[in-house]
């Protein structure tokens, strides 16, 4: 089959156009690949920064926890052997003042303990804080005594003794009550923990 002479004259131009088109496509592919590599490198750098930040935060929390344990040991070393005691954290109820934090160091052998609280606000007028022991084997909590918060929300320490034998690791509740003796809590809960474990049933 004979090729028209005019078409042969266009071949160099067609080849040049195809080459330019391929070059453009290759340049676009190259630029897209470079862009993807840059994005991946940025993501990798961001991940490294986030991982470093996470490691630093975990280390800070570890140091803070160790510091709190050291403070607790210093506060109680004259009265308790912490290896023989239960340390029960207390927290404000949901929606309450989350600034306060407290623990109860409970000695089951001597049936006594100490409440250590920080940033506990002063009780309102006509009220006092009262600590209740929640024995999961008894039907109702019983009072361990009333106390006042430290001035300016500092460290509050309240030592107490159970008025009756506690057979299991108890829970503790701090409520705001009118001054004077009481047989059951009626005021709002300021701190509590942990939820008591119900006795096993046969």
N, C-alpha and C. Protein backbone atom coordinates (compact mmCIF):
# COMPACT_ATOMS: atom_id res chain seq x y z
N UNK A 1 0.85 -1.19 0.00
CA UNK A 1 0.00 0.00 0.00
C UNK A 1 0.89 1.24 0.00
N UNK A 2 0.65 2.13 -0.88
CA UNK A 2 1.47 3.32 -1.02
C UNK A 2 1.08 4.37 0.01
N UNK A 3 2.07 5.00 0.65
CA UNK A 3 1.85 6.06 1.63
C UNK A 3 1.91 7.40 0.91
N UNK A 4 0.90 8.22 1.11
CA UNK A 4 0.92 9.53 0.43
C UNK A 4 2.15 10.32 0.81
N UNK A 5 2.70 10.97 -0.21
CA UNK A 5 3.92 11.74 0.03
C UNK A 5 3.69 12.85 1.04
N UNK A 6 2.51 13.45 1.05
CA UNK A 6 2.22 14.53 2.00
C UNK A 6 2.25 14.05 3.44
N UNK A 7 1.77 12.80 3.68
CA UNK A 7 1.75 12.26 5.04
C UNK A 7 3.17 12.08 5.58
N UNK A 8 4.09 11.63 4.73
CA UNK A 8 5.47 11.45 5.16
C UNK A 8 6.06 12.78 5.62
N UNK A 9 5.61 13.85 5.03
CA UNK A 9 6.12 15.14 5.44
C UNK A 9 5.66 15.55 6.83
N UNK A 10 4.50 14.98 7.23
CA UNK A 10 3.98 15.31 8.57
C UNK A 10 4.54 14.42 9.67
N UNK A 11 5.18 13.34 9.32
CA UNK A 11 5.66 12.39 10.34
C UNK A 11 6.57 13.03 11.40
N UNK A 12 7.55 13.83 11.01
CA UNK A 12 8.38 14.45 12.06
C UNK A 12 7.56 15.29 13.03
N UNK A 13 6.56 16.00 12.52
CA UNK A 13 5.76 16.84 13.40
C UNK A 13 4.90 15.99 14.34
N UNK A 14 4.35 14.90 13.80
CA UNK A 14 3.54 14.00 14.63
C UNK A 14 4.40 13.38 15.72
N UNK A 15 5.61 12.92 15.32
CA UNK A 15 6.50 12.31 16.31
C UNK A 15 6.88 13.32 17.39
N UNK A 16 7.13 14.56 16.99
CA UNK A 16 7.48 15.59 17.97
C UNK A 16 6.32 15.87 18.91
N UNK A 17 5.09 15.88 18.37
CA UNK A 17 3.92 16.15 19.22
C UNK A 17 3.72 15.02 20.22
N UNK A 18 3.87 13.76 19.73
CA UNK A 18 3.72 12.61 20.64
C UNK A 18 4.79 12.65 21.73
N UNK A 19 6.02 12.97 21.33
CA UNK A 19 7.11 13.04 22.30
C UNK A 19 6.83 14.13 23.35
N UNK A 20 6.32 15.28 22.90
CA UNK A 20 6.01 16.37 23.84
C UNK A 20 4.90 15.96 24.79
N UNK A 21 3.87 15.25 24.23
CA UNK A 21 2.78 14.79 25.08
C UNK A 21 3.27 13.81 26.13
N UNK A 22 4.11 12.85 25.72
CA UNK A 22 4.67 11.88 26.67
C UNK A 22 5.53 12.58 27.71
N UNK A 23 6.32 13.57 27.25
CA UNK A 23 7.15 14.31 28.19
C UNK A 23 6.30 15.04 29.23
N UNK A 24 5.18 15.63 28.77
CA UNK A 24 4.29 16.32 29.71
C UNK A 24 3.69 15.36 30.73
N UNK A 25 3.27 14.17 30.22
CA UNK A 25 2.71 13.17 31.13
C UNK A 25 3.75 12.72 32.15
N UNK A 26 4.96 12.46 31.67
CA UNK A 26 6.03 12.02 32.58
C UNK A 26 6.36 13.09 33.61
N UNK A 27 6.35 14.35 33.20
CA UNK A 27 6.62 15.45 34.15
C UNK A 27 5.53 15.51 35.22
N UNK A 28 4.26 15.35 34.79
CA UNK A 28 3.17 15.37 35.76
C UNK A 28 3.28 14.21 36.74
N UNK A 29 3.62 13.02 36.21
CA UNK A 29 3.79 11.85 37.09
C UNK A 29 4.94 12.09 38.07
N UNK A 30 6.03 12.66 37.57
CA UNK A 30 7.19 12.93 38.42
C UNK A 30 6.84 13.93 39.53
N UNK A 31 6.14 15.02 39.14
CA UNK A 31 5.78 16.03 40.12
C UNK A 31 4.80 15.47 41.16
N UNK A 32 3.85 14.64 40.69
CA UNK A 32 2.91 14.03 41.63
C UNK A 32 3.64 13.11 42.61
N UNK A 33 4.61 12.35 42.09
CA UNK A 33 5.39 11.46 42.97
C UNK A 33 6.19 12.27 43.97
N UNK A 34 6.81 13.37 43.51
CA UNK A 34 7.57 14.23 44.42
C UNK A 34 6.66 14.80 45.49
N UNK A 35 5.45 15.24 45.09
CA UNK A 35 4.51 15.79 46.05
C UNK A 35 4.11 14.74 47.08
N UNK A 36 3.85 13.51 46.61
CA UNK A 36 3.46 12.44 47.53
C UNK A 36 4.59 12.11 48.51
N UNK A 37 5.83 12.11 48.01
CA UNK A 37 6.99 11.86 48.88
C UNK A 37 7.11 12.97 49.92
N UNK A 38 6.89 14.21 49.51
CA UNK A 38 6.96 15.33 50.45
C UNK A 38 5.90 15.20 51.53
N UNK A 39 4.67 14.84 51.10
CA UNK A 39 3.58 14.67 52.08
C UNK A 39 3.91 13.54 53.04
N UNK A 40 4.42 12.42 52.53
CA UNK A 40 4.77 11.30 53.40
C UNK A 40 5.87 11.68 54.38
N UNK A 41 6.85 12.45 53.89
CA UNK A 41 7.92 12.90 54.79
C UNK A 41 7.38 13.82 55.88
N UNK A 42 6.46 14.72 55.50
CA UNK A 42 5.85 15.61 56.50
C UNK A 42 5.05 14.81 57.52
N UNK A 43 4.29 13.82 57.03
CA UNK A 43 3.51 12.99 57.95
C UNK A 43 4.42 12.20 58.88
N UNK A 44 5.53 11.71 58.34
CA UNK A 44 6.48 10.97 59.17
C UNK A 44 7.08 11.88 60.24
N UNK A 45 7.44 13.10 59.87
CA UNK A 45 7.99 14.05 60.85
C UNK A 45 6.95 14.39 61.91
N UNK A 46 5.69 14.59 61.49
CA UNK A 46 4.63 14.90 62.44
C UNK A 46 4.40 13.74 63.40
N UNK A 47 4.45 12.51 62.87
CA UNK A 47 4.28 11.33 63.72
C UNK A 47 5.40 11.23 64.74
N UNK A 48 6.62 11.55 64.31
CA UNK A 48 7.75 11.51 65.24
C UNK A 48 7.58 12.55 66.34
N UNK A 49 7.10 13.75 65.98
CA UNK A 49 6.86 14.79 66.98
C UNK A 49 5.77 14.35 67.96
N UNK A 50 4.68 13.77 67.42
CA UNK A 50 3.60 13.30 68.29
C UNK A 50 4.08 12.19 69.22
N UNK A 51 4.88 11.26 68.68
CA UNK A 51 5.41 10.18 69.51
C UNK A 51 6.31 10.72 70.61
N UNK A 52 7.14 11.71 70.26
CA UNK A 52 8.01 12.31 71.27
C UNK A 52 7.20 13.01 72.35
N UNK A 53 6.15 13.73 71.91
CA UNK A 53 5.28 14.41 72.88
C UNK A 53 4.59 13.40 73.78
N UNK A 54 4.13 12.28 73.21
CA UNK A 54 3.47 11.24 74.01
C UNK A 54 4.44 10.65 75.02
N UNK A 55 5.69 10.38 74.59
CA UNK A 55 6.68 9.83 75.51
C UNK A 55 6.96 10.80 76.65
N UNK A 56 7.06 12.09 76.31
CA UNK A 56 7.30 13.09 77.35
C UNK A 56 6.13 13.18 78.32
N UNK A 57 4.89 13.09 77.79
CA UNK A 57 3.72 13.16 78.66
C UNK A 57 3.65 11.94 79.59
N UNK A 58 3.93 10.76 79.02
CA UNK A 58 3.93 9.55 79.84
C UNK A 58 5.01 9.61 80.92
N UNK A 59 6.16 10.15 80.55
CA UNK A 59 7.24 10.27 81.54
C UNK A 59 6.85 11.26 82.63
N UNK A 60 6.21 12.36 82.23
CA UNK A 60 5.77 13.34 83.22
C UNK A 60 4.74 12.72 84.16
N UNK A 61 3.80 11.93 83.60
CA UNK A 61 2.80 11.29 84.45
C UNK A 61 3.45 10.27 85.39
N UNK A 62 4.47 9.56 84.89
CA UNK A 62 5.16 8.60 85.74
C UNK A 62 5.87 9.30 86.88
N UNK A 63 6.53 10.42 86.57
CA UNK A 63 7.23 11.17 87.61
C UNK A 63 6.23 11.74 88.61
N UNK A 64 5.09 12.26 88.08
CA UNK A 64 4.07 12.83 88.97
C UNK A 64 3.50 11.76 89.89
N UNK A 65 3.22 10.56 89.33
CA UNK A 65 2.70 9.48 90.16
C UNK A 65 3.70 9.08 91.22
N UNK A 66 4.97 8.99 90.83
CA UNK A 66 6.00 8.65 91.81
C UNK A 66 6.09 9.72 92.89
N UNK A 67 5.94 10.98 92.50
CA UNK A 67 5.98 12.08 93.46
C UNK A 67 4.81 11.99 94.43
N UNK A 68 3.63 11.68 93.90
CA UNK A 68 2.46 11.56 94.76
C UNK A 68 2.64 10.42 95.76
N UNK A 69 3.18 9.29 95.28
CA UNK A 69 3.43 8.17 96.18
C UNK A 69 4.43 8.55 97.24
N UNK A 70 5.47 9.28 96.84
CA UNK A 70 6.48 9.72 97.81
C UNK A 70 5.85 10.67 98.84
N UNK A 71 4.99 11.59 98.37
CA UNK A 71 4.32 12.50 99.30
C UNK A 71 3.43 11.73 100.26
N UNK A 72 2.71 10.74 99.73
CA UNK A 72 1.84 9.95 100.58
C UNK A 72 2.65 9.18 101.62
N UNK A 73 3.76 8.61 101.21
CA UNK A 73 4.62 7.88 102.15
C UNK A 73 5.15 8.82 103.23
N UNK A 74 5.54 10.04 102.82
CA UNK A 74 6.05 11.01 103.80
C UNK A 74 4.96 11.43 104.77
N UNK A 75 3.72 11.57 104.27
CA UNK A 75 2.62 12.00 105.13
C UNK A 75 2.23 10.94 106.15
N UNK A 76 2.47 9.68 105.82
CA UNK A 76 1.94 8.59 106.66
C UNK A 76 3.01 7.72 107.29
N UNK A 77 4.29 7.98 107.06
CA UNK A 77 5.33 7.06 107.52
C UNK A 77 5.35 6.90 109.04
N UNK A 78 4.89 7.94 109.77
CA UNK A 78 4.91 7.86 111.23
C UNK A 78 3.78 7.00 111.79
N UNK A 79 2.77 6.70 110.95
CA UNK A 79 1.62 5.96 111.48
C UNK A 79 1.42 4.61 110.81
N UNK A 80 1.79 4.49 109.53
CA UNK A 80 1.40 3.29 108.80
C UNK A 80 2.58 2.68 108.05
N UNK A 81 2.48 1.39 107.88
CA UNK A 81 3.32 0.66 106.94
C UNK A 81 2.48 0.46 105.69
N UNK A 82 2.78 1.21 104.62
CA UNK A 82 1.91 1.19 103.44
C UNK A 82 1.85 -0.18 102.78
N UNK A 83 2.84 -1.03 103.01
CA UNK A 83 2.79 -2.37 102.43
C UNK A 83 1.71 -3.21 103.08
N UNK A 84 1.22 -2.80 104.26
CA UNK A 84 0.19 -3.55 104.97
C UNK A 84 -1.16 -2.85 104.91
N UNK A 85 -1.26 -1.77 104.15
CA UNK A 85 -2.47 -0.96 104.14
C UNK A 85 -3.12 -0.95 102.76
N UNK A 86 -4.39 -0.59 102.76
CA UNK A 86 -5.11 -0.32 101.52
C UNK A 86 -5.13 1.18 101.28
N UNK A 87 -4.81 1.60 100.07
CA UNK A 87 -4.87 3.01 99.70
C UNK A 87 -6.04 3.19 98.75
N UNK A 88 -7.07 3.89 99.21
CA UNK A 88 -8.33 4.00 98.48
C UNK A 88 -8.47 5.43 97.95
N UNK A 89 -8.45 5.63 96.63
CA UNK A 89 -8.64 6.98 96.09
C UNK A 89 -10.09 7.41 96.15
N UNK A 90 -10.30 8.69 96.46
CA UNK A 90 -11.65 9.27 96.48
C UNK A 90 -11.73 10.37 95.43
N UNK A 91 -12.87 10.47 94.78
CA UNK A 91 -13.07 11.47 93.74
C UNK A 91 -14.40 12.19 93.93
N UNK A 92 -14.49 13.43 93.43
CA UNK A 92 -15.79 14.12 93.48
C UNK A 92 -16.78 13.40 92.58
N UNK A 93 -18.08 13.52 92.85
CA UNK A 93 -19.08 12.89 91.98
C UNK A 93 -19.09 13.56 90.62
N UNK A 94 -19.66 12.88 89.65
CA UNK A 94 -19.77 13.45 88.31
C UNK A 94 -20.51 14.77 88.36
N UNK A 95 -19.93 15.77 87.72
CA UNK A 95 -20.53 17.10 87.72
C UNK A 95 -20.17 17.94 88.92
N UNK A 96 -19.37 17.37 89.87
CA UNK A 96 -18.97 18.13 91.05
C UNK A 96 -17.70 18.90 90.82
N UNK A 97 -17.15 19.44 91.90
CA UNK A 97 -15.90 20.19 91.83
C UNK A 97 -14.75 19.21 91.64
N UNK A 98 -14.20 19.14 90.43
CA UNK A 98 -13.15 18.18 90.12
C UNK A 98 -11.77 18.56 90.60
N UNK A 99 -11.64 19.71 91.30
CA UNK A 99 -10.31 20.14 91.73
C UNK A 99 -9.82 19.33 92.92
N UNK A 100 -10.73 18.90 93.78
CA UNK A 100 -10.34 18.19 94.99
C UNK A 100 -9.87 16.78 94.64
N UNK A 101 -8.90 16.29 95.42
CA UNK A 101 -8.41 14.92 95.27
C UNK A 101 -8.09 14.40 96.66
N UNK A 102 -8.35 13.12 96.89
CA UNK A 102 -8.15 12.57 98.22
C UNK A 102 -7.86 11.08 98.14
N UNK A 103 -7.22 10.57 99.18
CA UNK A 103 -7.04 9.14 99.37
C UNK A 103 -7.30 8.84 100.84
N UNK A 104 -7.70 7.61 101.08
CA UNK A 104 -7.79 7.11 102.45
C UNK A 104 -6.78 5.98 102.59
N UNK A 105 -5.89 6.11 103.58
CA UNK A 105 -4.97 5.03 103.92
C UNK A 105 -5.64 4.23 105.03
N UNK A 106 -5.99 2.99 104.73
CA UNK A 106 -6.75 2.16 105.66
C UNK A 106 -5.91 0.99 106.14
N UNK A 107 -5.77 0.90 107.46
CA UNK A 107 -5.03 -0.20 108.08
C UNK A 107 -6.05 -1.23 108.57
N UNK A 108 -6.21 -2.35 107.86
CA UNK A 108 -7.24 -3.32 108.26
C UNK A 108 -6.92 -4.03 109.56
N UNK A 109 -5.64 -4.10 109.94
CA UNK A 109 -5.26 -4.79 111.16
C UNK A 109 -5.62 -3.96 112.39
N UNK A 110 -5.41 -2.66 112.31
CA UNK A 110 -5.74 -1.79 113.44
C UNK A 110 -7.11 -1.15 113.32
N UNK A 111 -7.78 -1.41 112.17
CA UNK A 111 -9.12 -0.88 111.96
C UNK A 111 -9.15 0.64 112.12
N UNK A 112 -8.17 1.28 111.51
CA UNK A 112 -8.12 2.73 111.55
C UNK A 112 -7.51 3.23 110.25
N UNK A 113 -7.67 4.52 110.01
CA UNK A 113 -7.17 5.08 108.77
C UNK A 113 -6.97 6.58 108.86
N UNK A 114 -6.47 7.14 107.76
CA UNK A 114 -6.27 8.58 107.65
C UNK A 114 -6.74 9.04 106.28
N UNK A 115 -7.56 10.07 106.27
CA UNK A 115 -7.97 10.71 105.03
C UNK A 115 -6.99 11.83 104.73
N UNK A 116 -6.45 11.84 103.52
CA UNK A 116 -5.55 12.89 103.05
C UNK A 116 -6.20 13.53 101.82
N UNK A 117 -6.53 14.80 101.92
CA UNK A 117 -7.21 15.50 100.82
C UNK A 117 -6.46 16.77 100.48
N UNK A 118 -6.50 17.14 99.21
CA UNK A 118 -5.89 18.38 98.74
C UNK A 118 -6.93 19.17 97.95
N UNK A 119 -6.84 20.50 98.09
CA UNK A 119 -7.72 21.42 97.38
C UNK A 119 -9.19 21.17 97.72
N UNK A 120 -9.45 20.74 98.95
CA UNK A 120 -10.83 20.55 99.39
C UNK A 120 -11.36 21.91 99.86
N UNK A 121 -12.40 22.43 99.22
CA UNK A 121 -12.89 23.77 99.60
C UNK A 121 -13.52 23.76 100.98
N UNK A 122 -13.56 24.94 101.60
CA UNK A 122 -14.20 25.06 102.91
C UNK A 122 -15.67 24.71 102.81
N UNK A 123 -16.19 24.09 103.87
CA UNK A 123 -17.61 23.72 103.89
C UNK A 123 -18.47 24.98 103.97
N UNK A 124 -19.65 24.95 103.37
CA UNK A 124 -20.55 26.11 103.48
C UNK A 124 -20.95 26.36 104.93
N UNK A 125 -21.44 27.54 105.20
CA UNK A 125 -21.88 27.89 106.55
C UNK A 125 -22.95 26.92 107.02
N UNK A 126 -22.81 26.46 108.27
CA UNK A 126 -23.77 25.54 108.84
C UNK A 126 -23.59 24.11 108.40
N UNK A 127 -22.46 23.79 107.77
CA UNK A 127 -22.18 22.43 107.33
C UNK A 127 -20.76 22.04 107.74
N UNK A 128 -20.53 20.74 107.82
CA UNK A 128 -19.19 20.22 108.04
C UNK A 128 -19.01 18.97 107.19
N UNK A 129 -17.77 18.66 106.90
CA UNK A 129 -17.50 17.42 106.19
C UNK A 129 -17.60 16.25 107.17
N UNK A 130 -18.19 15.14 106.69
CA UNK A 130 -18.25 13.94 107.51
C UNK A 130 -17.86 12.74 106.66
N UNK A 131 -17.00 11.93 107.24
CA UNK A 131 -16.52 10.73 106.56
C UNK A 131 -17.36 9.53 106.99
N UNK A 132 -17.75 8.72 106.00
CA UNK A 132 -18.54 7.51 106.25
C UNK A 132 -17.78 6.30 105.72
N UNK A 133 -17.82 5.21 106.48
CA UNK A 133 -17.20 3.95 106.06
C UNK A 133 -18.29 3.08 105.44
N UNK A 134 -18.02 2.58 104.25
CA UNK A 134 -18.98 1.74 103.53
C UNK A 134 -18.43 0.31 103.52
N UNK A 135 -18.96 -0.52 104.40
CA UNK A 135 -18.57 -1.92 104.47
C UNK A 135 -19.52 -2.72 103.58
N UNK A 136 -19.01 -3.36 102.52
CA UNK A 136 -19.92 -4.07 101.60
C UNK A 136 -20.70 -5.19 102.27
N UNK A 137 -20.28 -5.59 103.49
CA UNK A 137 -21.00 -6.67 104.18
C UNK A 137 -22.01 -6.14 105.19
N UNK A 138 -22.16 -4.82 105.24
CA UNK A 138 -23.14 -4.22 106.15
C UNK A 138 -24.16 -3.43 105.34
N UNK A 139 -25.38 -3.33 105.82
CA UNK A 139 -26.46 -2.75 105.01
C UNK A 139 -26.35 -1.26 104.78
N UNK A 140 -25.66 -0.53 105.67
CA UNK A 140 -25.61 0.93 105.54
C UNK A 140 -24.24 1.43 105.99
N UNK A 141 -23.80 2.57 105.46
CA UNK A 141 -22.53 3.15 105.92
C UNK A 141 -22.66 3.66 107.35
N UNK A 142 -21.53 3.76 108.03
CA UNK A 142 -21.55 4.31 109.38
C UNK A 142 -20.49 5.39 109.50
N UNK A 143 -20.74 6.33 110.40
CA UNK A 143 -19.92 7.54 110.49
C UNK A 143 -18.55 7.24 111.09
N UNK A 144 -17.55 7.92 110.55
CA UNK A 144 -16.19 7.85 111.10
C UNK A 144 -15.79 9.19 111.71
N UNK A 145 -16.66 10.19 111.65
CA UNK A 145 -16.36 11.47 112.27
C UNK A 145 -16.43 12.63 111.31
N UNK A 146 -16.53 13.83 111.89
CA UNK A 146 -16.58 15.05 111.10
C UNK A 146 -15.26 15.79 111.14
N UNK A 147 -15.01 16.59 110.13
CA UNK A 147 -13.75 17.33 110.06
C UNK A 147 -13.95 18.58 109.22
N UNK A 148 -13.00 19.51 109.33
CA UNK A 148 -13.02 20.74 108.54
C UNK A 148 -11.91 20.70 107.51
N UNK A 149 -12.13 21.35 106.37
CA UNK A 149 -11.10 21.44 105.34
C UNK A 149 -10.02 22.40 105.78
N UNK A 150 -8.81 22.16 105.30
CA UNK A 150 -7.70 23.05 105.60
C UNK A 150 -7.95 24.43 104.99
N UNK A 151 -7.36 25.43 105.60
CA UNK A 151 -7.51 26.80 105.09
C UNK A 151 -6.95 26.91 103.68
N UNK A 152 -7.63 27.71 102.86
CA UNK A 152 -7.20 28.03 101.49
C UNK A 152 -7.10 26.78 100.62
N UNK A 153 -7.87 25.75 100.95
CA UNK A 153 -7.87 24.56 100.11
C UNK A 153 -6.57 23.81 100.10
N UNK A 154 -5.79 23.89 101.17
CA UNK A 154 -4.51 23.18 101.23
C UNK A 154 -4.70 21.71 101.55
N UNK A 155 -3.71 21.12 102.23
CA UNK A 155 -3.76 19.71 102.55
C UNK A 155 -4.58 19.49 103.81
N UNK A 156 -5.56 18.62 103.72
CA UNK A 156 -6.42 18.25 104.84
C UNK A 156 -6.07 16.85 105.29
N UNK A 157 -5.88 16.66 106.59
CA UNK A 157 -5.59 15.33 107.14
C UNK A 157 -6.59 15.04 108.25
N UNK A 158 -7.21 13.87 108.18
CA UNK A 158 -8.19 13.49 109.20
C UNK A 158 -7.98 12.02 109.56
N UNK A 159 -7.55 11.76 110.79
CA UNK A 159 -7.35 10.40 111.28
C UNK A 159 -8.63 9.91 111.94
N UNK A 160 -8.95 8.63 111.75
CA UNK A 160 -10.20 8.10 112.29
C UNK A 160 -10.02 6.62 112.63
N UNK A 161 -10.96 6.12 113.40
CA UNK A 161 -10.99 4.70 113.76
C UNK A 161 -12.42 4.18 113.56
N UNK A 162 -12.54 2.97 113.04
CA UNK A 162 -13.86 2.39 112.82
C UNK A 162 -14.52 2.08 114.15
N UNK A 163 -15.78 2.48 114.28
CA UNK A 163 -16.50 2.24 115.52
C UNK A 163 -17.02 0.80 115.62
N UNK A 164 -16.96 0.08 114.50
CA UNK A 164 -17.32 -1.33 114.50
C UNK A 164 -16.39 -2.07 113.54
N UNK A 165 -16.26 -3.37 113.70
CA UNK A 165 -15.31 -4.14 112.90
C UNK A 165 -15.71 -4.13 111.42
N UNK A 166 -14.72 -3.91 110.58
CA UNK A 166 -14.92 -3.92 109.13
C UNK A 166 -14.26 -5.18 108.61
N UNK A 167 -15.05 -6.08 108.02
CA UNK A 167 -14.53 -7.39 107.64
C UNK A 167 -13.83 -7.37 106.28
N UNK A 168 -14.17 -6.43 105.41
CA UNK A 168 -13.60 -6.39 104.07
C UNK A 168 -13.00 -5.02 103.82
N UNK A 169 -12.29 -4.90 102.69
CA UNK A 169 -11.76 -3.58 102.32
C UNK A 169 -12.93 -2.64 102.07
N UNK A 170 -13.06 -1.58 102.85
CA UNK A 170 -14.27 -0.74 102.72
C UNK A 170 -14.14 0.31 101.63
N UNK A 171 -15.28 0.90 101.31
CA UNK A 171 -15.31 2.13 100.54
C UNK A 171 -15.50 3.29 101.50
N UNK A 172 -15.35 4.50 100.99
CA UNK A 172 -15.47 5.68 101.85
C UNK A 172 -16.25 6.76 101.11
N UNK A 173 -17.05 7.51 101.87
CA UNK A 173 -17.83 8.61 101.31
C UNK A 173 -17.67 9.81 102.22
N UNK A 174 -17.44 10.98 101.63
CA UNK A 174 -17.40 12.23 102.37
C UNK A 174 -18.61 13.05 101.95
N UNK A 175 -19.41 13.45 102.93
CA UNK A 175 -20.61 14.25 102.65
C UNK A 175 -20.55 15.56 103.43
N UNK A 176 -21.41 16.48 103.05
CA UNK A 176 -21.58 17.74 103.76
C UNK A 176 -22.83 17.63 104.62
N UNK A 177 -22.65 17.69 105.93
CA UNK A 177 -23.75 17.45 106.86
C UNK A 177 -23.86 18.61 107.86
N UNK A 178 -25.05 18.77 108.47
CA UNK A 178 -25.15 19.71 109.59
C UNK A 178 -24.29 19.22 110.75
N UNK A 179 -23.70 20.12 111.51
CA UNK A 179 -22.87 19.69 112.65
C UNK A 179 -23.68 18.86 113.64
N UNK A 180 -22.98 17.93 114.29
CA UNK A 180 -23.64 17.11 115.29
C UNK A 180 -23.69 15.65 114.87
N UNK A 181 -24.06 14.79 115.80
CA UNK A 181 -24.10 13.36 115.50
C UNK A 181 -25.16 13.03 114.46
N UNK A 182 -24.90 11.96 113.70
CA UNK A 182 -25.84 11.50 112.68
C UNK A 182 -25.65 10.01 112.50
N UNK A 183 -26.71 9.32 112.17
CA UNK A 183 -26.65 7.87 111.99
C UNK A 183 -26.58 7.46 110.53
N UNK A 184 -26.86 8.39 109.63
CA UNK A 184 -26.78 8.06 108.20
C UNK A 184 -26.54 9.35 107.42
N UNK A 185 -25.91 9.25 106.26
CA UNK A 185 -25.65 10.45 105.45
C UNK A 185 -26.92 10.96 104.80
N UNK A 186 -27.13 12.27 104.89
CA UNK A 186 -28.29 12.88 104.25
C UNK A 186 -27.87 14.05 103.34
N UNK A 187 -26.65 14.55 103.52
CA UNK A 187 -26.18 15.69 102.74
C UNK A 187 -25.57 15.27 101.41
N UNK A 188 -25.20 16.26 100.59
CA UNK A 188 -24.60 15.98 99.28
C UNK A 188 -23.23 15.34 99.42
N UNK A 189 -22.88 14.51 98.46
CA UNK A 189 -21.59 13.81 98.45
C UNK A 189 -20.52 14.73 97.89
N UNK A 190 -19.41 14.86 98.62
CA UNK A 190 -18.27 15.66 98.16
C UNK A 190 -17.19 14.79 97.55
N UNK A 191 -16.96 13.61 98.14
CA UNK A 191 -15.94 12.68 97.65
C UNK A 191 -16.44 11.26 97.90
N UNK A 192 -16.04 10.34 97.06
CA UNK A 192 -16.43 8.95 97.27
C UNK A 192 -15.50 8.03 96.50
N UNK A 193 -15.38 6.80 96.99
CA UNK A 193 -14.64 5.80 96.26
C UNK A 193 -14.20 4.65 97.15
N UNK A 194 -13.93 3.53 96.54
CA UNK A 194 -14.50 3.11 95.25
C UNK A 194 -15.88 2.55 95.50
N UNK A 195 -16.65 2.22 94.46
CA UNK A 195 -17.95 1.58 94.71
C UNK A 195 -17.74 0.28 95.47
N UNK A 196 -18.48 0.05 96.54
CA UNK A 196 -18.27 -1.17 97.32
C UNK A 196 -18.60 -2.43 96.50
N UNK A 197 -17.87 -3.48 96.77
CA UNK A 197 -18.11 -4.76 96.11
C UNK A 197 -19.15 -5.52 96.91
N UNK A 198 -20.24 -5.95 96.30
CA UNK A 198 -21.28 -6.65 97.07
C UNK A 198 -20.76 -7.99 97.55
N UNK A 199 -21.26 -8.46 98.69
CA UNK A 199 -20.79 -9.75 99.20
C UNK A 199 -21.19 -10.88 98.27
N UNK A 200 -20.37 -11.92 98.24
CA UNK A 200 -20.66 -13.07 97.41
C UNK A 200 -21.88 -13.80 97.95
N UNK A 201 -22.70 -14.30 97.05
CA UNK A 201 -23.88 -15.05 97.43
C UNK A 201 -23.70 -16.51 97.03
N UNK A 202 -24.17 -17.39 97.86
CA UNK A 202 -24.06 -18.82 97.57
C UNK A 202 -25.25 -19.28 96.74
